[in-house]
């Protein structure tokens, strides 16, 4: 595991507005945190790989069911 790799979790409010929520040391931790957030704050979330500067996961804005997180993975 590359210790320098970090991931940011953001909440998308619109195409032009996103709010940084927190960072995570690994992708699995970031995914778990997004699942937790979705359980009480439905919306669209993205996880960004800070090394590549790309979104590696985007949740559906319609997801409100815990454990059923529809995602779009660009890399894993």
PDB file of N, CA and C in Angstrom:
ATOM      1  N   UNK A   1       0.842  -1.184   0.000  1.00  0.00           N
ATOM      2  CA  UNK A   1       0.000   0.000   0.000  1.00  0.00           C
ATOM      3  C   UNK A   1       0.883   1.241   0.000  1.00  0.00           C
ATOM      4  N   UNK A   2       0.583   2.186  -0.846  1.00  0.00           N
ATOM      5  CA  UNK A   2       1.327   3.428  -0.954  1.00  0.00           C
ATOM      6  C   UNK A   2       0.837   4.382   0.128  1.00  0.00           C
ATOM      7  N   UNK A   3       1.687   4.666   1.110  1.00  0.00           N
ATOM      8  CA  UNK A   3       1.300   5.511   2.249  1.00  0.00           C
ATOM      9  C   UNK A   3       1.044   6.958   1.845  1.00  0.00           C
ATOM     10  N   UNK A   4       1.581   7.400   0.710  1.00  0.00           N
ATOM     11  CA  UNK A   4       1.396   8.788   0.300  1.00  0.00           C
ATOM     12  C   UNK A   4       0.059   9.004  -0.418  1.00  0.00           C
ATOM     13  N   UNK A   5      -0.603   7.944  -0.770  1.00  0.00           N
ATOM     14  CA  UNK A   5      -1.869   8.062  -1.495  1.00  0.00           C
ATOM     15  C   UNK A   5      -2.983   8.464  -0.530  1.00  0.00           C
ATOM     16  N   UNK A   6      -3.775   9.461  -0.902  1.00  0.00           N
ATOM     17  CA  UNK A   6      -4.875   9.961  -0.071  1.00  0.00           C
ATOM     18  C   UNK A   6      -6.097  10.176  -0.948  1.00  0.00           C
ATOM     19  N   UNK A   7      -7.247  10.187  -0.302  1.00  0.00           N
ATOM     20  CA  UNK A   7      -8.511  10.352  -1.007  1.00  0.00           C
ATOM     21  C   UNK A   7      -9.338  11.418  -0.309  1.00  0.00           C
ATOM     22  N   UNK A   8      -9.986  12.268  -1.093  1.00  0.00           N
ATOM     23  CA  UNK A   8     -10.884  13.285  -0.555  1.00  0.00           C
ATOM     24  C   UNK A   8     -12.323  12.905  -0.864  1.00  0.00           C
ATOM     25  N   UNK A   9     -13.198  13.173   0.093  1.00  0.00           N
ATOM     26  CA  UNK A   9     -14.633  12.935  -0.080  1.00  0.00           C
ATOM     27  C   UNK A   9     -15.299  14.294  -0.208  1.00  0.00           C
ATOM     28  N   UNK A  10     -16.077  14.466  -1.279  1.00  0.00           N
ATOM     29  CA  UNK A  10     -16.809  15.715  -1.483  1.00  0.00           C
ATOM     30  C   UNK A  10     -18.281  15.410  -1.720  1.00  0.00           C
ATOM     31  N   UNK A  11     -19.114  16.365  -1.380  1.00  0.00           N
ATOM     32  CA  UNK A  11     -20.553  16.266  -1.633  1.00  0.00           C
ATOM     33  C   UNK A  11     -20.889  17.239  -2.748  1.00  0.00           C
ATOM     34  N   UNK A  12     -21.515  16.718  -3.796  1.00  0.00           N
ATOM     35  CA  UNK A  12     -21.905  17.545  -4.942  1.00  0.00           C
ATOM     36  C   UNK A  12     -23.268  18.155  -4.666  1.00  0.00           C
ATOM     37  N   UNK A  13     -23.372  19.463  -4.766  1.00  0.00           N
ATOM     38  CA  UNK A  13     -24.642  20.153  -4.607  1.00  0.00           C
ATOM     39  C   UNK A  13     -25.245  20.520  -5.960  1.00  0.00           C
ATOM     40  N   UNK A  14     -24.385  20.719  -6.937  1.00  0.00           N
ATOM     41  CA  UNK A  14     -24.807  21.026  -8.308  1.00  0.00           C
ATOM     42  C   UNK A  14     -23.605  20.770  -9.203  1.00  0.00           C
ATOM     43  N   UNK A  15     -23.775  21.027 -10.489  1.00  0.00           N
ATOM     44  CA  UNK A  15     -22.644  20.831 -11.397  1.00  0.00           C
ATOM     45  C   UNK A  15     -21.481  21.757 -11.074  1.00  0.00           C
ATOM     46  N   UNK A  16     -21.788  22.914 -10.499  1.00  0.00           N
ATOM     47  CA  UNK A  16     -20.743  23.894 -10.221  1.00  0.00           C
ATOM     48  C   UNK A  16     -20.361  23.986  -8.753  1.00  0.00           C
ATOM     49  N   UNK A  17     -21.072  23.276  -7.885  1.00  0.00           N
ATOM     50  CA  UNK A  17     -20.789  23.390  -6.447  1.00  0.00           C
ATOM     51  C   UNK A  17     -20.536  22.027  -5.823  1.00  0.00           C
ATOM     52  N   UNK A  18     -19.389  21.926  -5.168  1.00  0.00           N
ATOM     53  CA  UNK A  18     -19.030  20.722  -4.430  1.00  0.00           C
ATOM     54  C   UNK A  18     -18.381  21.170  -3.134  1.00  0.00           C
ATOM     55  N   UNK A  19     -18.662  20.433  -2.070  1.00  0.00           N
ATOM     56  CA  UNK A  19     -18.126  20.780  -0.765  1.00  0.00           C
ATOM     57  C   UNK A  19     -17.242  19.662  -0.248  1.00  0.00           C
ATOM     58  N   UNK A  20     -15.997  20.012   0.095  1.00  0.00           N
ATOM     59  CA  UNK A  20     -15.082  19.043   0.669  1.00  0.00           C
ATOM     60  C   UNK A  20     -15.583  18.674   2.057  1.00  0.00           C
ATOM     61  N   UNK A  21     -15.623  17.379   2.360  1.00  0.00           N
ATOM     62  CA  UNK A  21     -16.067  16.919   3.669  1.00  0.00           C
ATOM     63  C   UNK A  21     -14.916  16.412   4.520  1.00  0.00           C
ATOM     64  N   UNK A  22     -14.103  15.524   3.955  1.00  0.00           N
ATOM     65  CA  UNK A  22     -12.994  14.964   4.720  1.00  0.00           C
ATOM     66  C   UNK A  22     -12.063  14.165   3.824  1.00  0.00           C
ATOM     67  N   UNK A  23     -10.920  13.805   4.366  1.00  0.00           N
ATOM     68  CA  UNK A  23      -9.958  12.979   3.659  1.00  0.00           C
ATOM     69  C   UNK A  23      -9.901  11.594   4.272  1.00  0.00           C
ATOM     70  N   UNK A  24      -9.361  10.649   3.521  1.00  0.00           N
ATOM     71  CA  UNK A  24      -9.213   9.271   3.993  1.00  0.00           C
ATOM     72  C   UNK A  24      -7.860   8.742   3.519  1.00  0.00           C
ATOM     73  N   UNK A  25      -7.253   7.864   4.317  1.00  0.00           N
ATOM     74  CA  UNK A  25      -5.927   7.346   3.958  1.00  0.00           C
ATOM     75  C   UNK A  25      -5.953   6.243   2.910  1.00  0.00           C
ATOM     76  N   UNK A  26      -7.123   5.634   2.689  1.00  0.00           N
ATOM     77  CA  UNK A  26      -7.215   4.578   1.679  1.00  0.00           C
ATOM     78  C   UNK A  26      -8.625   4.552   1.089  1.00  0.00           C
ATOM     79  N   UNK A  27      -8.742   3.980  -0.103  1.00  0.00           N
ATOM     80  CA  UNK A  27     -10.004   3.973  -0.830  1.00  0.00           C
ATOM     81  C   UNK A  27     -11.101   3.227  -0.074  1.00  0.00           C
ATOM     82  N   UNK A  28     -10.780   2.106   0.548  1.00  0.00           N
ATOM     83  CA  UNK A  28     -11.806   1.343   1.266  1.00  0.00           C
ATOM     84  C   UNK A  28     -12.384   2.159   2.425  1.00  0.00           C
ATOM     85  N   UNK A  29     -11.559   2.924   3.111  1.00  0.00           N
ATOM     86  CA  UNK A  29     -12.034   3.774   4.208  1.00  0.00           C
ATOM     87  C   UNK A  29     -12.931   4.887   3.675  1.00  0.00           C
ATOM     88  N   UNK A  30     -12.573   5.449   2.531  1.00  0.00           N
ATOM     89  CA  UNK A  30     -13.385   6.505   1.925  1.00  0.00           C
ATOM     90  C   UNK A  30     -14.750   5.954   1.500  1.00  0.00           C
ATOM     91  N   UNK A  31     -14.773   4.762   0.915  1.00  0.00           N
ATOM     92  CA  UNK A  31     -16.038   4.151   0.500  1.00  0.00           C
ATOM     93  C   UNK A  31     -16.931   3.868   1.704  1.00  0.00           C
ATOM     94  N   UNK A  32     -16.345   3.362   2.773  1.00  0.00           N
ATOM     95  CA  UNK A  32     -17.116   3.092   3.994  1.00  0.00           C
ATOM     96  C   UNK A  32     -17.707   4.373   4.543  1.00  0.00           C
ATOM     97  N   UNK A  33     -16.934   5.437   4.540  1.00  0.00           N
ATOM     98  CA  UNK A  33     -17.432   6.721   5.053  1.00  0.00           C
ATOM     99  C   UNK A  33     -18.563   7.258   4.193  1.00  0.00           C
ATOM    100  N   UNK A  34     -18.467   7.125   2.882  1.00  0.00           N
ATOM    101  CA  UNK A  34     -19.544   7.584   1.997  1.00  0.00           C
ATOM    102  C   UNK A  34     -20.817   6.786   2.270  1.00  0.00           C
ATOM    103  N   UNK A  35     -20.696   5.485   2.488  1.00  0.00           N
ATOM    104  CA  UNK A  35     -21.872   4.682   2.831  1.00  0.00           C
ATOM    105  C   UNK A  35     -22.511   5.177   4.124  1.00  0.00           C
ATOM    106  N   UNK A  36     -21.689   5.523   5.108  1.00  0.00           N
ATOM    107  CA  UNK A  36     -22.211   6.076   6.361  1.00  0.00           C
ATOM    108  C   UNK A  36     -22.926   7.402   6.112  1.00  0.00           C
ATOM    109  N   UNK A  37     -22.320   8.278   5.327  1.00  0.00           N
ATOM    110  CA  UNK A  37     -22.932   9.575   5.028  1.00  0.00           C
ATOM    111  C   UNK A  37     -24.274   9.407   4.317  1.00  0.00           C
ATOM    112  N   UNK A  38     -24.326   8.474   3.376  1.00  0.00           N
ATOM    113  CA  UNK A  38     -25.568   8.246   2.632  1.00  0.00           C
ATOM    114  C   UNK A  38     -26.705   7.771   3.541  1.00  0.00           C
ATOM    115  N   UNK A  39     -26.381   7.107   4.632  1.00  0.00           N
ATOM    116  CA  UNK A  39     -27.416   6.576   5.514  1.00  0.00           C
ATOM    117  C   UNK A  39     -28.218   7.677   6.215  1.00  0.00           C
ATOM    118  N   UNK A  40     -27.616   8.865   6.375  1.00  0.00           N
ATOM    119  CA  UNK A  40     -28.357   9.944   7.041  1.00  0.00           C
ATOM    120  C   UNK A  40     -28.377  11.251   6.256  1.00  0.00           C
ATOM    121  N   UNK A  41     -27.614  11.326   5.160  1.00  0.00           N
ATOM    122  CA  UNK A  41     -27.550  12.546   4.358  1.00  0.00           C
ATOM    123  C   UNK A  41     -27.491  12.161   2.880  1.00  0.00           C
ATOM    124  N   UNK A  42     -28.638  11.722   2.318  1.00  0.00           N
ATOM    125  CA  UNK A  42     -28.659  11.297   0.914  1.00  0.00           C
ATOM    126  C   UNK A  42     -28.197  12.418  -0.018  1.00  0.00           C
ATOM    127  N   UNK A  43     -27.581  12.021  -1.087  1.00  0.00           N
ATOM    128  CA  UNK A  43     -27.108  12.992  -2.061  1.00  0.00           C
ATOM    129  C   UNK A  43     -26.065  12.365  -2.958  1.00  0.00           C
ATOM    130  N   UNK A  44     -25.346  13.203  -3.654  1.00  0.00           N
ATOM    131  CA  UNK A  44     -24.294  12.724  -4.549  1.00  0.00           C
ATOM    132  C   UNK A  44     -22.940  13.027  -3.931  1.00  0.00           C
ATOM    133  N   UNK A  45     -22.118  11.996  -3.828  1.00  0.00           N
ATOM    134  CA  UNK A  45     -20.782  12.120  -3.265  1.00  0.00           C
ATOM    135  C   UNK A  45     -19.761  11.645  -4.281  1.00  0.00           C
ATOM    136  N   UNK A  46     -18.557  12.207  -4.180  1.00  0.00           N
ATOM    137  CA  UNK A  46     -17.459  11.762  -5.025  1.00  0.00           C
ATOM    138  C   UNK A  46     -16.230  11.538  -4.155  1.00  0.00           C
ATOM    139  N   UNK A  47     -15.441  10.554  -4.555  1.00  0.00           N
ATOM    140  CA  UNK A  47     -14.155  10.304  -3.913  1.00  0.00           C
ATOM    141  C   UNK A  47     -13.086  10.606  -4.957  1.00  0.00           C
ATOM    142  N   UNK A  48     -12.156  11.489  -4.589  1.00  0.00           N
ATOM    143  CA  UNK A  48     -11.073  11.875  -5.488  1.00  0.00           C
ATOM    144  C   UNK A  48      -9.755  11.296  -5.014  1.00  0.00           C
ATOM    145  N   UNK A  49      -9.012  10.737  -5.949  1.00  0.00           N
ATOM    146  CA  UNK A  49      -7.643  10.270  -5.700  1.00  0.00           C
ATOM    147  C   UNK A  49      -6.757  11.508  -5.824  1.00  0.00           C
ATOM    148  N   UNK A  50      -6.115  11.890  -4.736  1.00  0.00           N
ATOM    149  CA  UNK A  50      -5.305  13.107  -4.766  1.00  0.00           C
ATOM    150  C   UNK A  50      -4.034  12.974  -5.585  1.00  0.00           C
ATOM    151  N   UNK A  51      -3.601  11.736  -5.824  1.00  0.00           N
ATOM    152  CA  UNK A  51      -2.406  11.528  -6.649  1.00  0.00           C
ATOM    153  C   UNK A  51      -2.707  11.774  -8.128  1.00  0.00           C
ATOM    154  N   UNK A  52      -3.827  11.243  -8.595  1.00  0.00           N
ATOM    155  CA  UNK A  52      -4.176  11.370 -10.013  1.00  0.00           C
ATOM    156  C   UNK A  52      -5.084  12.566 -10.290  1.00  0.00           C
ATOM    157  N   UNK A  53      -5.659  13.154  -9.231  1.00  0.00           N
ATOM    158  CA  UNK A  53      -6.583  14.291  -9.351  1.00  0.00           C
ATOM    159  C   UNK A  53      -7.865  13.911 -10.100  1.00  0.00           C
ATOM    160  N   UNK A  54      -8.260  12.634 -10.011  1.00  0.00           N
ATOM    161  CA  UNK A  54      -9.462  12.164 -10.707  1.00  0.00           C
ATOM    162  C   UNK A  54     -10.450  11.578  -9.711  1.00  0.00           C
ATOM    163  N   UNK A  55     -11.748  11.672 -10.064  1.00  0.00           N
ATOM    164  CA  UNK A  55     -12.789  11.030  -9.265  1.00  0.00           C
ATOM    165  C   UNK A  55     -12.714   9.529  -9.515  1.00  0.00           C
ATOM    166  N   UNK A  56     -12.614   8.752  -8.455  1.00  0.00           N
ATOM    167  CA  UNK A  56     -12.550   7.302  -8.594  1.00  0.00           C
ATOM    168  C   UNK A  56     -13.883   6.658  -8.251  1.00  0.00           C
ATOM    169  N   UNK A  57     -14.808   7.433  -7.656  1.00  0.00           N
ATOM    170  CA  UNK A  57     -16.121   6.913  -7.323  1.00  0.00           C
ATOM    171  C   UNK A  57     -17.099   8.079  -7.254  1.00  0.00           C
ATOM    172  N   UNK A  58     -18.280   7.883  -7.839  1.00  0.00           N
ATOM    173  CA  UNK A  58     -19.365   8.857  -7.758  1.00  0.00           C
ATOM    174  C   UNK A  58     -20.631   8.113  -7.400  1.00  0.00           C
ATOM    175  N   UNK A  59     -21.322   8.571  -6.341  1.00  0.00           N
ATOM    176  CA  UNK A  59     -22.571   7.930  -5.957  1.00  0.00           C
ATOM    177  C   UNK A  59     -23.712   8.539  -6.753  1.00  0.00           C
ATOM    178  N   UNK A  60     -24.810   7.843  -6.775  1.00  0.00           N
ATOM    179  CA  UNK A  60     -26.015   8.348  -7.416  1.00  0.00           C
ATOM    180  C   UNK A  60     -26.691   9.357  -6.501  1.00  0.00           C
ATOM    181  N   UNK A  61     -27.213  10.412  -7.065  1.00  0.00           N
ATOM    182  CA  UNK A  61     -27.924  11.415  -6.280  1.00  0.00           C
ATOM    183  C   UNK A  61     -29.225  10.856  -5.720  1.00  0.00           C
ATOM    184  N   UNK A  62     -29.711   9.746  -6.258  1.00  0.00           N
ATOM    185  CA  UNK A  62     -30.983   9.184  -5.824  1.00  0.00           C
ATOM    186  C   UNK A  62     -30.825   8.122  -4.744  1.00  0.00           C
ATOM    187  N   UNK A  63     -29.614   7.796  -4.384  1.00  0.00           N
ATOM    188  CA  UNK A  63     -29.394   6.708  -3.424  1.00  0.00           C
ATOM    189  C   UNK A  63     -29.781   7.149  -2.023  1.00  0.00           C
ATOM    190  N   UNK A  64     -30.672   6.406  -1.391  1.00  0.00           N
ATOM    191  CA  UNK A  64     -31.062   6.702  -0.018  1.00  0.00           C
ATOM    192  C   UNK A  64     -31.138   5.433   0.813  1.00  0.00           C
ATOM    193  N   UNK A  65     -30.859   4.289   0.212  1.00  0.00           N
ATOM    194  CA  UNK A  65     -30.970   3.016   0.906  1.00  0.00           C
ATOM    195  C   UNK A  65     -29.596   2.568   1.366  1.00  0.00           C
ATOM    196  N   UNK A  66     -29.371   2.487   2.691  1.00  0.00           N
ATOM    197  CA  UNK A  66     -28.068   2.038   3.171  1.00  0.00           C
ATOM    198  C   UNK A  66     -27.734   0.643   2.650  1.00  0.00           C
ATOM    199  N   UNK A  67     -26.473   0.465   2.273  1.00  0.00           N
ATOM    200  CA  UNK A  67     -26.034  -0.831   1.773  1.00  0.00           C
ATOM    201  C   UNK A  67     -26.301  -1.027   0.290  1.00  0.00           C
ATOM    202  N   UNK A  68     -26.975  -0.092  -0.336  1.00  0.00           N
ATOM    203  CA  UNK A  68     -27.280  -0.199  -1.762  1.00  0.00           C
ATOM    204  C   UNK A  68     -26.735   1.036  -2.471  1.00  0.00           C
ATOM    205  N   UNK A  69     -25.438   1.244  -2.392  1.00  0.00           N
ATOM    206  CA  UNK A  69     -24.815   2.435  -2.931  1.00  0.00           C
ATOM    207  C   UNK A  69     -24.493   2.262  -4.410  1.00  0.00           C
ATOM    208  N   UNK A  70     -25.333   2.807  -5.314  1.00  0.00           N
ATOM    209  CA  UNK A  70     -24.971   2.753  -6.720  1.00  0.00           C
ATOM    210  C   UNK A  70     -23.787   3.685  -6.966  1.00  0.00           C
ATOM    211  N   UNK A  71     -22.811   3.178  -7.653  1.00  0.00           N
ATOM    212  CA  UNK A  71     -21.605   3.963  -7.869  1.00  0.00           C
ATOM    213  C   UNK A  71     -21.149   3.863  -9.312  1.00  0.00           C
ATOM    214  N   UNK A  72     -20.346   4.818  -9.666  1.00  0.00           N
ATOM    215  CA  UNK A  72     -19.649   4.777 -10.936  1.00  0.00           C
ATOM    216  C   UNK A  72     -18.169   4.777 -10.594  1.00  0.00           C
ATOM    217  N   UNK A  73     -17.489   3.696 -10.901  1.00  0.00           N
ATOM    218  CA  UNK A  73     -16.063   3.581 -10.622  1.00  0.00           C
ATOM    219  C   UNK A  73     -15.264   3.859 -11.874  1.00  0.00           C
ATOM    220  N   UNK A  74     -14.345   4.831 -11.783  1.00  0.00           N
ATOM    221  CA  UNK A  74     -13.448   5.019 -12.906  1.00  0.00           C
ATOM    222  C   UNK A  74     -12.170   4.237 -12.721  1.00  0.00           C
ATOM    223  N   UNK A  75     -11.861   3.923 -11.472  1.00  0.00           N
ATOM    224  CA  UNK A  75     -10.675   3.103 -11.173  1.00  0.00           C
ATOM    225  C   UNK A  75     -10.856   2.481  -9.816  1.00  0.00           C
ATOM    226  N   UNK A  76     -10.240   1.369  -9.621  1.00  0.00           N
ATOM    227  CA  UNK A  76     -10.332   0.742  -8.301  1.00  0.00           C
ATOM    228  C   UNK A  76      -9.073   0.019  -7.961  1.00  0.00           C
TER     229      UNK A  76
END
